[in-house]
């Protein structure tokens, strides 16, 4: 049954470029009014997914619904979307002030006062030609447009990579502040997972064009545990479980496994083992590596 409240819903979404399958029969629903992290390795299919969902590319197969409609050449849908990417292009003779002057033509919720505050926050020279801006300054232009547009559906495809650590923190802070006051659906594509882990409410991980994880951030954080202790005891405890990662020194072992329930945790403690949480970044690295190993075994 179709979820009529879904902002984005895709079914059987496939996108091929010649012999390369960038998206492989994806089914996915993006919940409304949440900050969703679209995570995965370079080349996993994140940008292709966003380009097809925003109508910038045609799907090879499958169905896409954004606000309940097909987004392709649909002005009613596209006017409610902001898609900001790292490689954003502007006319060479443009200056940032021209970008911000034009923005209200495309975004009905554009907040000029908020944009002015962000310009000050990022210390952006608005009268310098776009082609003369540094990479960080160009990133700031995109970030400001994405935030001040307040589009009901906003995609950030790693446009903040050019920002230094201080500027990225400003971006995260302003994003959270404005999202709290003006809720909307925001999708962040990034490989800086540790930096954004605390602001994400939902996690979608794409790997080899397929959905590897699709769950709340809370569920994701609880989906794996590292078991630490004497090698024999650890090996006995993790037997018949899916191991995501294993390492050890001497007689000690550290093994990351999938979700444990309360009773299993008590069993581990009684066995003299330590249980350690797994960070979101570690979890995704472990899961994508484990999936790659499974894939290699299937191909062998």
C-alpha atoms as a PDB file:
ATOM      1  CA  UNK A   1       0.000   0.000   0.000  1.00  0.00           C
ATOM      2  CA  UNK A   2       1.404   3.402  -0.994  1.00  0.00           C
ATOM      3  CA  UNK A   3       2.283   5.763   1.848  1.00  0.00           C
ATOM      4  CA  UNK A   4       0.486   8.956   0.823  1.00  0.00           C
ATOM      5  CA  UNK A   5       2.476  10.986   3.358  1.00  0.00           C
ATOM      6  CA  UNK A   6       5.821  10.033   1.790  1.00  0.00           C
ATOM      7  CA  UNK A   7       7.802  12.918   0.335  1.00  0.00           C
ATOM      8  CA  UNK A   8       9.843  10.601  -1.876  1.00  0.00           C
ATOM      9  CA  UNK A   9       8.821   7.097  -2.836  1.00  0.00           C
ATOM     10  CA  UNK A  10      10.557   4.928  -5.428  1.00  0.00           C
ATOM     11  CA  UNK A  11       9.704   1.405  -6.504  1.00  0.00           C
ATOM     12  CA  UNK A  12      11.914  -0.823  -8.621  1.00  0.00           C
ATOM     13  CA  UNK A  13      14.113   2.153  -9.480  1.00  0.00           C
ATOM     14  CA  UNK A  14      16.882   1.123 -11.864  1.00  0.00           C
ATOM     15  CA  UNK A  15      19.371   3.310 -13.698  1.00  0.00           C
ATOM     16  CA  UNK A  16      21.933   1.965 -16.136  1.00  0.00           C
ATOM     17  CA  UNK A  17      24.726   3.728 -17.973  1.00  0.00           C
ATOM     18  CA  UNK A  18      25.634   1.298 -20.721  1.00  0.00           C
ATOM     19  CA  UNK A  19      26.834  -1.866 -19.023  1.00  0.00           C
ATOM     20  CA  UNK A  20      27.041  -0.174 -15.620  1.00  0.00           C
ATOM     21  CA  UNK A  21      24.066  -0.474 -13.264  1.00  0.00           C
ATOM     22  CA  UNK A  22      24.178   2.576 -10.984  1.00  0.00           C
ATOM     23  CA  UNK A  23      20.856   1.846  -9.270  1.00  0.00           C
ATOM     24  CA  UNK A  24      19.625  -1.725  -9.036  1.00  0.00           C
ATOM     25  CA  UNK A  25      15.879  -2.243  -8.446  1.00  0.00           C
ATOM     26  CA  UNK A  26      15.608   0.122  -5.474  1.00  0.00           C
ATOM     27  CA  UNK A  27      12.526   0.389  -3.277  1.00  0.00           C
ATOM     28  CA  UNK A  28      12.733   3.315  -0.864  1.00  0.00           C
ATOM     29  CA  UNK A  29      10.520   5.744   1.015  1.00  0.00           C
ATOM     30  CA  UNK A  30      11.891   8.995   2.447  1.00  0.00           C
ATOM     31  CA  UNK A  31       9.901  10.039   5.530  1.00  0.00           C
ATOM     32  CA  UNK A  32       8.569  13.593   5.685  1.00  0.00           C
ATOM     33  CA  UNK A  33       9.930  16.225   8.028  1.00  0.00           C
ATOM     34  CA  UNK A  34      13.226  14.526   8.833  1.00  0.00           C
ATOM     35  CA  UNK A  35      16.942  14.967   8.210  1.00  0.00           C
ATOM     36  CA  UNK A  36      17.967  11.868   6.286  1.00  0.00           C
ATOM     37  CA  UNK A  37      21.569  10.871   5.691  1.00  0.00           C
ATOM     38  CA  UNK A  38      22.186   9.357   2.260  1.00  0.00           C
ATOM     39  CA  UNK A  39      25.432   7.531   2.888  1.00  0.00           C
ATOM     40  CA  UNK A  40      27.751   5.230   1.000  1.00  0.00           C
ATOM     41  CA  UNK A  41      31.089   4.957  -0.725  1.00  0.00           C
ATOM     42  CA  UNK A  42      32.044   7.023  -3.763  1.00  0.00           C
ATOM     43  CA  UNK A  43      30.346   5.511  -6.801  1.00  0.00           C
ATOM     44  CA  UNK A  44      27.720   3.733  -4.709  1.00  0.00           C
ATOM     45  CA  UNK A  45      24.842   5.482  -6.521  1.00  0.00           C
ATOM     46  CA  UNK A  46      24.015   8.400  -4.197  1.00  0.00           C
ATOM     47  CA  UNK A  47      24.236  11.189  -6.765  1.00  0.00           C
ATOM     48  CA  UNK A  48      22.484   9.114  -9.425  1.00  0.00           C
ATOM     49  CA  UNK A  49      19.627   8.520  -6.994  1.00  0.00           C
ATOM     50  CA  UNK A  50      19.252  12.233  -6.286  1.00  0.00           C
ATOM     51  CA  UNK A  51      19.450  13.187  -9.953  1.00  0.00           C
ATOM     52  CA  UNK A  52      16.706  10.744 -10.932  1.00  0.00           C
ATOM     53  CA  UNK A  53      14.483  11.711  -7.999  1.00  0.00           C
ATOM     54  CA  UNK A  54      14.817  15.411  -8.859  1.00  0.00           C
ATOM     55  CA  UNK A  55      13.992  14.822 -12.516  1.00  0.00           C
ATOM     56  CA  UNK A  56      17.472  15.692 -13.797  1.00  0.00           C
ATOM     57  CA  UNK A  57      17.947  12.234 -15.277  1.00  0.00           C
ATOM     58  CA  UNK A  58      15.612   9.567 -16.585  1.00  0.00           C
ATOM     59  CA  UNK A  59      15.268   6.215 -14.845  1.00  0.00           C
ATOM     60  CA  UNK A  60      15.883   3.075 -16.893  1.00  0.00           C
ATOM     61  CA  UNK A  61      13.048   1.325 -15.059  1.00  0.00           C
ATOM     62  CA  UNK A  62      10.849   1.756 -12.020  1.00  0.00           C
ATOM     63  CA  UNK A  63       8.530   4.367 -10.591  1.00  0.00           C
ATOM     64  CA  UNK A  64       9.336   7.636  -8.827  1.00  0.00           C
ATOM     65  CA  UNK A  65       6.896   9.737  -6.833  1.00  0.00           C
ATOM     66  CA  UNK A  66       7.811  13.053  -5.196  1.00  0.00           C
ATOM     67  CA  UNK A  67       4.987  14.689  -3.260  1.00  0.00           C
ATOM     68  CA  UNK A  68       2.850  11.980  -4.867  1.00  0.00           C
ATOM     69  CA  UNK A  69       3.712  12.923  -8.475  1.00  0.00           C
ATOM     70  CA  UNK A  70       6.239  12.068 -11.169  1.00  0.00           C
ATOM     71  CA  UNK A  71       8.945  14.753 -10.905  1.00  0.00           C
ATOM     72  CA  UNK A  72      10.109  14.671 -14.543  1.00  0.00           C
ATOM     73  CA  UNK A  73       9.290  17.988 -16.239  1.00  0.00           C
ATOM     74  CA  UNK A  74       6.783  18.667 -13.468  1.00  0.00           C
ATOM     75  CA  UNK A  75       7.023  22.327 -12.481  1.00  0.00           C
ATOM     76  CA  UNK A  76       4.619  21.861  -9.560  1.00  0.00           C
ATOM     77  CA  UNK A  77       6.990  19.325  -7.976  1.00  0.00           C
ATOM     78  CA  UNK A  78      10.313  20.838  -9.009  1.00  0.00           C
ATOM     79  CA  UNK A  79       9.382  24.252  -7.612  1.00  0.00           C
ATOM     80  CA  UNK A  80       9.301  22.652  -4.156  1.00  0.00           C
ATOM     81  CA  UNK A  81      12.764  21.083  -4.456  1.00  0.00           C
ATOM     82  CA  UNK A  82      16.204  22.525  -3.803  1.00  0.00           C
ATOM     83  CA  UNK A  83      19.111  20.393  -5.045  1.00  0.00           C
ATOM     84  CA  UNK A  84      22.538  21.732  -4.097  1.00  0.00           C
ATOM     85  CA  UNK A  85      25.645  19.862  -5.189  1.00  0.00           C
ATOM     86  CA  UNK A  86      29.380  20.377  -4.890  1.00  0.00           C
ATOM     87  CA  UNK A  87      29.832  20.926  -8.615  1.00  0.00           C
ATOM     88  CA  UNK A  88      27.117  23.593  -8.791  1.00  0.00           C
ATOM     89  CA  UNK A  89      27.532  25.724 -11.931  1.00  0.00           C
ATOM     90  CA  UNK A  90      26.822  29.428 -12.291  1.00  0.00           C
ATOM     91  CA  UNK A  91      27.458  31.853 -15.166  1.00  0.00           C
ATOM     92  CA  UNK A  92      31.102  32.967 -14.986  1.00  0.00           C
ATOM     93  CA  UNK A  93      30.190  36.646 -14.947  1.00  0.00           C
ATOM     94  CA  UNK A  94      27.793  36.139 -12.045  1.00  0.00           C
ATOM     95  CA  UNK A  95      28.635  37.363  -8.586  1.00  0.00           C
ATOM     96  CA  UNK A  96      27.160  35.810  -5.411  1.00  0.00           C
ATOM     97  CA  UNK A  97      24.835  38.791  -5.063  1.00  0.00           C
ATOM     98  CA  UNK A  98      23.328  37.908  -8.461  1.00  0.00           C
ATOM     99  CA  UNK A  99      22.709  34.328  -7.321  1.00  0.00           C
ATOM    100  CA  UNK A 100      20.881  35.525  -4.215  1.00  0.00           C
ATOM    101  CA  UNK A 101      18.926  38.140  -6.186  1.00  0.00           C
ATOM    102  CA  UNK A 102      17.679  35.450  -8.591  1.00  0.00           C
ATOM    103  CA  UNK A 103      16.892  32.905  -5.869  1.00  0.00           C
ATOM    104  CA  UNK A 104      13.375  34.218  -5.040  1.00  0.00           C
ATOM    105  CA  UNK A 105      12.384  33.535  -8.664  1.00  0.00           C
ATOM    106  CA  UNK A 106      12.916  29.827  -8.061  1.00  0.00           C
ATOM    107  CA  UNK A 107      12.152  29.407  -4.343  1.00  0.00           C
ATOM    108  CA  UNK A 108       8.875  30.770  -3.049  1.00  0.00           C
ATOM    109  CA  UNK A 109      10.000  30.341   0.579  1.00  0.00           C
ATOM    110  CA  UNK A 110      13.247  32.264   0.070  1.00  0.00           C
ATOM    111  CA  UNK A 111      14.277  34.201   3.205  1.00  0.00           C
ATOM    112  CA  UNK A 112      16.505  37.137   2.261  1.00  0.00           C
ATOM    113  CA  UNK A 113      17.167  38.051   5.890  1.00  0.00           C
ATOM    114  CA  UNK A 114      18.373  34.529   6.657  1.00  0.00           C
ATOM    115  CA  UNK A 115      20.539  34.603   3.531  1.00  0.00           C
ATOM    116  CA  UNK A 116      22.094  37.885   4.685  1.00  0.00           C
ATOM    117  CA  UNK A 117      22.895  36.360   8.073  1.00  0.00           C
ATOM    118  CA  UNK A 118      24.520  33.364   6.399  1.00  0.00           C
ATOM    119  CA  UNK A 119      26.538  35.612   4.097  1.00  0.00           C
ATOM    120  CA  UNK A 120      27.935  37.271   7.212  1.00  0.00           C
ATOM    121  CA  UNK A 121      28.505  33.921   8.959  1.00  0.00           C
ATOM    122  CA  UNK A 122      30.551  32.599   6.028  1.00  0.00           C
ATOM    123  CA  UNK A 123      32.223  35.958   5.359  1.00  0.00           C
ATOM    124  CA  UNK A 124      31.313  35.618   1.701  1.00  0.00           C
ATOM    125  CA  UNK A 125      32.455  38.381  -0.704  1.00  0.00           C
ATOM    126  CA  UNK A 126      29.191  38.920  -2.573  1.00  0.00           C
ATOM    127  CA  UNK A 127      30.675  41.335  -5.129  1.00  0.00           C
ATOM    128  CA  UNK A 128      33.438  39.041  -6.351  1.00  0.00           C
ATOM    129  CA  UNK A 129      32.901  37.165  -9.615  1.00  0.00           C
ATOM    130  CA  UNK A 130      31.958  33.508  -9.218  1.00  0.00           C
ATOM    131  CA  UNK A 131      34.984  32.385 -11.258  1.00  0.00           C
ATOM    132  CA  UNK A 132      37.257  34.264  -8.846  1.00  0.00           C
ATOM    133  CA  UNK A 133      35.876  32.591  -5.716  1.00  0.00           C
ATOM    134  CA  UNK A 134      37.860  29.990  -3.800  1.00  0.00           C
ATOM    135  CA  UNK A 135      36.468  26.483  -3.524  1.00  0.00           C
ATOM    136  CA  UNK A 136      35.314  27.214   0.024  1.00  0.00           C
ATOM    137  CA  UNK A 137      33.581  30.436  -1.012  1.00  0.00           C
ATOM    138  CA  UNK A 138      31.850  28.661  -3.891  1.00  0.00           C
ATOM    139  CA  UNK A 139      30.690  25.976  -1.453  1.00  0.00           C
ATOM    140  CA  UNK A 140      29.312  28.713   0.807  1.00  0.00           C
ATOM    141  CA  UNK A 141      27.205  30.080  -2.063  1.00  0.00           C
ATOM    142  CA  UNK A 142      25.529  26.700  -2.516  1.00  0.00           C
ATOM    143  CA  UNK A 143      25.041  26.157   1.205  1.00  0.00           C
ATOM    144  CA  UNK A 144      23.415  29.570   1.593  1.00  0.00           C
ATOM    145  CA  UNK A 145      21.029  28.908  -1.297  1.00  0.00           C
ATOM    146  CA  UNK A 146      20.124  25.493   0.096  1.00  0.00           C
ATOM    147  CA  UNK A 147      19.409  26.786   3.581  1.00  0.00           C
ATOM    148  CA  UNK A 148      17.727  30.102   2.764  1.00  0.00           C
ATOM    149  CA  UNK A 149      15.523  28.549   0.069  1.00  0.00           C
ATOM    150  CA  UNK A 150      13.635  26.626   2.765  1.00  0.00           C
ATOM    151  CA  UNK A 151      12.347  24.314   0.044  1.00  0.00           C
ATOM    152  CA  UNK A 152       9.998  21.587   1.345  1.00  0.00           C
ATOM    153  CA  UNK A 153      12.457  19.005  -0.044  1.00  0.00           C
ATOM    154  CA  UNK A 154      16.126  19.988   0.105  1.00  0.00           C
ATOM    155  CA  UNK A 155      19.019  17.863  -1.170  1.00  0.00           C
ATOM    156  CA  UNK A 156      22.617  18.602  -0.199  1.00  0.00           C
ATOM    157  CA  UNK A 157      24.961  16.502  -2.343  1.00  0.00           C
ATOM    158  CA  UNK A 158      28.193  17.198  -0.445  1.00  0.00           C
ATOM    159  CA  UNK A 159      28.305  20.910  -1.369  1.00  0.00           C
ATOM    160  CA  UNK A 160      30.065  21.665   1.920  1.00  0.00           C
ATOM    161  CA  UNK A 161      33.205  19.657   1.120  1.00  0.00           C
ATOM    162  CA  UNK A 162      35.035  22.830   0.149  1.00  0.00           C
ATOM    163  CA  UNK A 163      34.378  24.410   3.541  1.00  0.00           C
ATOM    164  CA  UNK A 164      36.969  24.241   6.293  1.00  0.00           C
ATOM    165  CA  UNK A 165      36.107  22.598   9.611  1.00  0.00           C
ATOM    166  CA  UNK A 166      34.909  25.843  11.224  1.00  0.00           C
ATOM    167  CA  UNK A 167      32.668  26.724   8.277  1.00  0.00           C
ATOM    168  CA  UNK A 168      31.241  23.196   8.145  1.00  0.00           C
ATOM    169  CA  UNK A 169      30.307  23.474  11.810  1.00  0.00           C
ATOM    170  CA  UNK A 170      28.570  26.768  11.080  1.00  0.00           C
ATOM    171  CA  UNK A 171      26.620  24.977   8.346  1.00  0.00           C
ATOM    172  CA  UNK A 172      25.554  22.164  10.697  1.00  0.00           C
ATOM    173  CA  UNK A 173      24.572  24.642  13.432  1.00  0.00           C
ATOM    174  CA  UNK A 174      22.513  26.871  11.140  1.00  0.00           C
ATOM    175  CA  UNK A 175      20.900  23.834   9.521  1.00  0.00           C
ATOM    176  CA  UNK A 176      19.715  22.491  12.866  1.00  0.00           C
ATOM    177  CA  UNK A 177      18.572  25.885  14.138  1.00  0.00           C
ATOM    178  CA  UNK A 178      16.527  26.655  11.034  1.00  0.00           C
ATOM    179  CA  UNK A 179      15.196  23.122  10.689  1.00  0.00           C
ATOM    180  CA  UNK A 180      13.833  23.341  14.245  1.00  0.00           C
ATOM    181  CA  UNK A 181      11.988  26.553  13.399  1.00  0.00           C
ATOM    182  CA  UNK A 182      11.052  25.647   9.829  1.00  0.00           C
ATOM    183  CA  UNK A 183      10.639  21.852   9.564  1.00  0.00           C
ATOM    184  CA  UNK A 184      11.106  20.322   6.134  1.00  0.00           C
ATOM    185  CA  UNK A 185      12.558  17.213   4.523  1.00  0.00           C
ATOM    186  CA  UNK A 186      16.337  17.430   4.187  1.00  0.00           C
ATOM    187  CA  UNK A 187      18.575  14.826   2.573  1.00  0.00           C
ATOM    188  CA  UNK A 188      22.306  15.043   3.207  1.00  0.00           C
ATOM    189  CA  UNK A 189      24.662  13.031   1.033  1.00  0.00           C
ATOM    190  CA  UNK A 190      28.086  12.864   2.633  1.00  0.00           C
ATOM    191  CA  UNK A 191      31.081  10.702   3.438  1.00  0.00           C
ATOM    192  CA  UNK A 192      31.895  12.829   6.528  1.00  0.00           C
ATOM    193  CA  UNK A 193      29.735  10.495   8.562  1.00  0.00           C
ATOM    194  CA  UNK A 194      31.133  11.222  12.008  1.00  0.00           C
ATOM    195  CA  UNK A 195      30.531  14.952  11.506  1.00  0.00           C
ATOM    196  CA  UNK A 196      26.843  14.584  10.685  1.00  0.00           C
ATOM    197  CA  UNK A 197      26.001  11.553  12.838  1.00  0.00           C
ATOM    198  CA  UNK A 198      24.396  13.613  15.612  1.00  0.00           C
ATOM    199  CA  UNK A 199      22.079  15.573  13.319  1.00  0.00           C
ATOM    200  CA  UNK A 200      20.675  12.674  11.300  1.00  0.00           C
ATOM    201  CA  UNK A 201      17.253  11.265  12.133  1.00  0.00           C
ATOM    202  CA  UNK A 202      17.101   8.653   9.405  1.00  0.00           C
ATOM    203  CA  UNK A 203      19.808   6.643   7.661  1.00  0.00           C
ATOM    204  CA  UNK A 204      19.859   5.322   4.101  1.00  0.00           C
ATOM    205  CA  UNK A 205      23.005   3.525   2.945  1.00  0.00           C
ATOM    206  CA  UNK A 206      23.519   2.735  -0.729  1.00  0.00           C
ATOM    207  CA  UNK A 207      26.119   0.161  -1.722  1.00  0.00           C
ATOM    208  CA  UNK A 208      26.710  -1.063  -5.281  1.00  0.00           C
ATOM    209  CA  UNK A 209      23.456   0.554  -6.360  1.00  0.00           C
ATOM    210  CA  UNK A 210      21.366  -1.248  -3.750  1.00  0.00           C
ATOM    211  CA  UNK A 211      19.904  -0.204  -0.413  1.00  0.00           C
ATOM    212  CA  UNK A 212      22.027  -1.669   2.348  1.00  0.00           C
ATOM    213  CA  UNK A 213      20.360   0.124   5.281  1.00  0.00           C
ATOM    214  CA  UNK A 214      17.099   2.045   5.610  1.00  0.00           C
ATOM    215  CA  UNK A 215      16.167   2.778   9.205  1.00  0.00           C
ATOM    216  CA  UNK A 216      16.005   5.422  11.884  1.00  0.00           C
ATOM    217  CA  UNK A 217      19.323   6.744  13.164  1.00  0.00           C
ATOM    218  CA  UNK A 218      18.517   5.289  16.586  1.00  0.00           C
ATOM    219  CA  UNK A 219      17.919   1.834  15.119  1.00  0.00           C
ATOM    220  CA  UNK A 220      21.119   2.095  13.104  1.00  0.00           C
ATOM    221  CA  UNK A 221      23.189   2.972  16.158  1.00  0.00           C
ATOM    222  CA  UNK A 222      21.817  -0.077  17.985  1.00  0.00           C
ATOM    223  CA  UNK A 223      22.241  -2.453  15.042  1.00  0.00           C
ATOM    224  CA  UNK A 224      25.790  -3.580  15.840  1.00  0.00           C
ATOM    225  CA  UNK A 225      27.992  -4.181  18.886  1.00  0.00           C
ATOM    226  CA  UNK A 226      31.672  -4.887  19.358  1.00  0.00           C
ATOM    227  CA  UNK A 227      32.459  -7.824  21.651  1.00  0.00           C
ATOM    228  CA  UNK A 228      35.862  -7.676  23.362  1.00  0.00           C
ATOM    229  CA  UNK A 229      37.607 -10.288  25.505  1.00  0.00           C
ATOM    230  CA  UNK A 230      39.734 -13.437  25.491  1.00  0.00           C
ATOM    231  CA  UNK A 231      39.846 -14.882  21.981  1.00  0.00           C
ATOM    232  CA  UNK A 232      38.349 -18.262  22.911  1.00  0.00           C
ATOM    233  CA  UNK A 233      35.434 -16.729  24.810  1.00  0.00           C
ATOM    234  CA  UNK A 234      34.737 -14.212  22.060  1.00  0.00           C
ATOM    235  CA  UNK A 235      34.860 -16.857  19.332  1.00  0.00           C
ATOM    236  CA  UNK A 236      32.456 -19.051  21.279  1.00  0.00           C
ATOM    237  CA  UNK A 237      30.030 -16.188  21.825  1.00  0.00           C
ATOM    238  CA  UNK A 238      29.978 -14.990  18.204  1.00  0.00           C
ATOM    239  CA  UNK A 239      29.717 -18.478  16.695  1.00  0.00           C
ATOM    240  CA  UNK A 240      26.817 -18.713  14.220  1.00  0.00           C
ATOM    241  CA  UNK A 241      26.443 -14.923  14.145  1.00  0.00           C
ATOM    242  CA  UNK A 242      27.152 -12.639  11.210  1.00  0.00           C
ATOM    243  CA  UNK A 243      30.542 -11.051  11.868  1.00  0.00           C
ATOM    244  CA  UNK A 244      31.025  -7.576  10.408  1.00  0.00           C
ATOM    245  CA  UNK A 245      34.621  -7.128  11.503  1.00  0.00           C
ATOM    246  CA  UNK A 246      37.256  -9.024  13.403  1.00  0.00           C
ATOM    247  CA  UNK A 247      40.629  -8.019  14.838  1.00  0.00           C
ATOM    248  CA  UNK A 248      42.835  -9.137  17.673  1.00  0.00           C
ATOM    249  CA  UNK A 249      46.160  -8.849  19.434  1.00  0.00           C
ATOM    250  CA  UNK A 250      47.711 -11.833  21.155  1.00  0.00           C
ATOM    251  CA  UNK A 251      45.057 -13.657  23.146  1.00  0.00           C
ATOM    252  CA  UNK A 252      42.500 -10.837  22.910  1.00  0.00           C
ATOM    253  CA  UNK A 253      39.866 -10.454  20.230  1.00  0.00           C
ATOM    254  CA  UNK A 254      37.541  -7.653  19.187  1.00  0.00           C
ATOM    255  CA  UNK A 255      34.643  -8.711  16.985  1.00  0.00           C
ATOM    256  CA  UNK A 256      31.827  -6.549  15.637  1.00  0.00           C
ATOM    257  CA  UNK A 257      28.545  -8.409  15.186  1.00  0.00           C
ATOM    258  CA  UNK A 258      24.983  -7.482  14.365  1.00  0.00           C
ATOM    259  CA  UNK A 259      22.308  -6.564  16.878  1.00  0.00           C
ATOM    260  CA  UNK A 260      22.148  -8.160  20.340  1.00  0.00           C
ATOM    261  CA  UNK A 261      18.992  -8.285  22.442  1.00  0.00           C
ATOM    262  CA  UNK A 262      18.922  -7.710  26.206  1.00  0.00           C
ATOM    263  CA  UNK A 263      19.253 -11.406  27.092  1.00  0.00           C
ATOM    264  CA  UNK A 264      22.217 -11.832  24.762  1.00  0.00           C
ATOM    265  CA  UNK A 265      23.920  -8.849  26.319  1.00  0.00           C
ATOM    266  CA  UNK A 266      23.517 -10.398  29.761  1.00  0.00           C
ATOM    267  CA  UNK A 267      24.976 -13.655  28.431  1.00  0.00           C
ATOM    268  CA  UNK A 268      28.016 -11.735  27.171  1.00  0.00           C
ATOM    269  CA  UNK A 269      28.553 -10.063  30.534  1.00  0.00           C
ATOM    270  CA  UNK A 270      28.263 -13.396  32.358  1.00  0.00           C
ATOM    271  CA  UNK A 271      30.903 -14.771  29.998  1.00  0.00           C
ATOM    272  CA  UNK A 272      33.253 -12.012  31.096  1.00  0.00           C
ATOM    273  CA  UNK A 273      33.097 -10.138  27.814  1.00  0.00           C
ATOM    274  CA  UNK A 274      32.962  -6.388  27.280  1.00  0.00           C
ATOM    275  CA  UNK A 275      30.438  -4.812  24.928  1.00  0.00           C
ATOM    276  CA  UNK A 276      31.320  -1.580  23.146  1.00  0.00           C
ATOM    277  CA  UNK A 277      29.108   0.612  20.961  1.00  0.00           C
ATOM    278  CA  UNK A 278      29.906   1.078  17.293  1.00  0.00           C
ATOM    279  CA  UNK A 279      29.957   4.578  15.818  1.00  0.00           C
ATOM    280  CA  UNK A 280      27.786   5.259  12.798  1.00  0.00           C
ATOM    281  CA  UNK A 281      30.853   5.608  10.606  1.00  0.00           C
ATOM    282  CA  UNK A 282      32.354   2.368  11.870  1.00  0.00           C
ATOM    283  CA  UNK A 283      29.017   0.625  11.360  1.00  0.00           C
ATOM    284  CA  UNK A 284      28.733   1.700   7.735  1.00  0.00           C
ATOM    285  CA  UNK A 285      32.369   0.858   6.997  1.00  0.00           C
ATOM    286  CA  UNK A 286      31.937  -2.570   8.595  1.00  0.00           C
ATOM    287  CA  UNK A 287      28.663  -3.289   6.798  1.00  0.00           C
ATOM    288  CA  UNK A 288      29.848  -2.194   3.365  1.00  0.00           C
ATOM    289  CA  UNK A 289      33.041  -4.213   3.743  1.00  0.00           C
ATOM    290  CA  UNK A 290      31.070  -7.264   4.907  1.00  0.00           C
ATOM    291  CA  UNK A 291      28.691  -6.881   1.986  1.00  0.00           C
ATOM    292  CA  UNK A 292      31.612  -6.593  -0.427  1.00  0.00           C
ATOM    293  CA  UNK A 293      33.034  -9.840   0.974  1.00  0.00           C
ATOM    294  CA  UNK A 294      29.663 -11.565   0.592  1.00  0.00           C
ATOM    295  CA  UNK A 295      29.432 -10.284  -2.973  1.00  0.00           C
ATOM    296  CA  UNK A 296      32.918 -11.605  -3.790  1.00  0.00           C
ATOM    297  CA  UNK A 297      31.973 -15.033  -2.414  1.00  0.00           C
ATOM    298  CA  UNK A 298      28.830 -15.084  -4.561  1.00  0.00           C
ATOM    299  CA  UNK A 299      30.862 -14.189  -7.652  1.00  0.00           C
ATOM    300  CA  UNK A 300      33.513 -16.845  -6.959  1.00  0.00           C
END
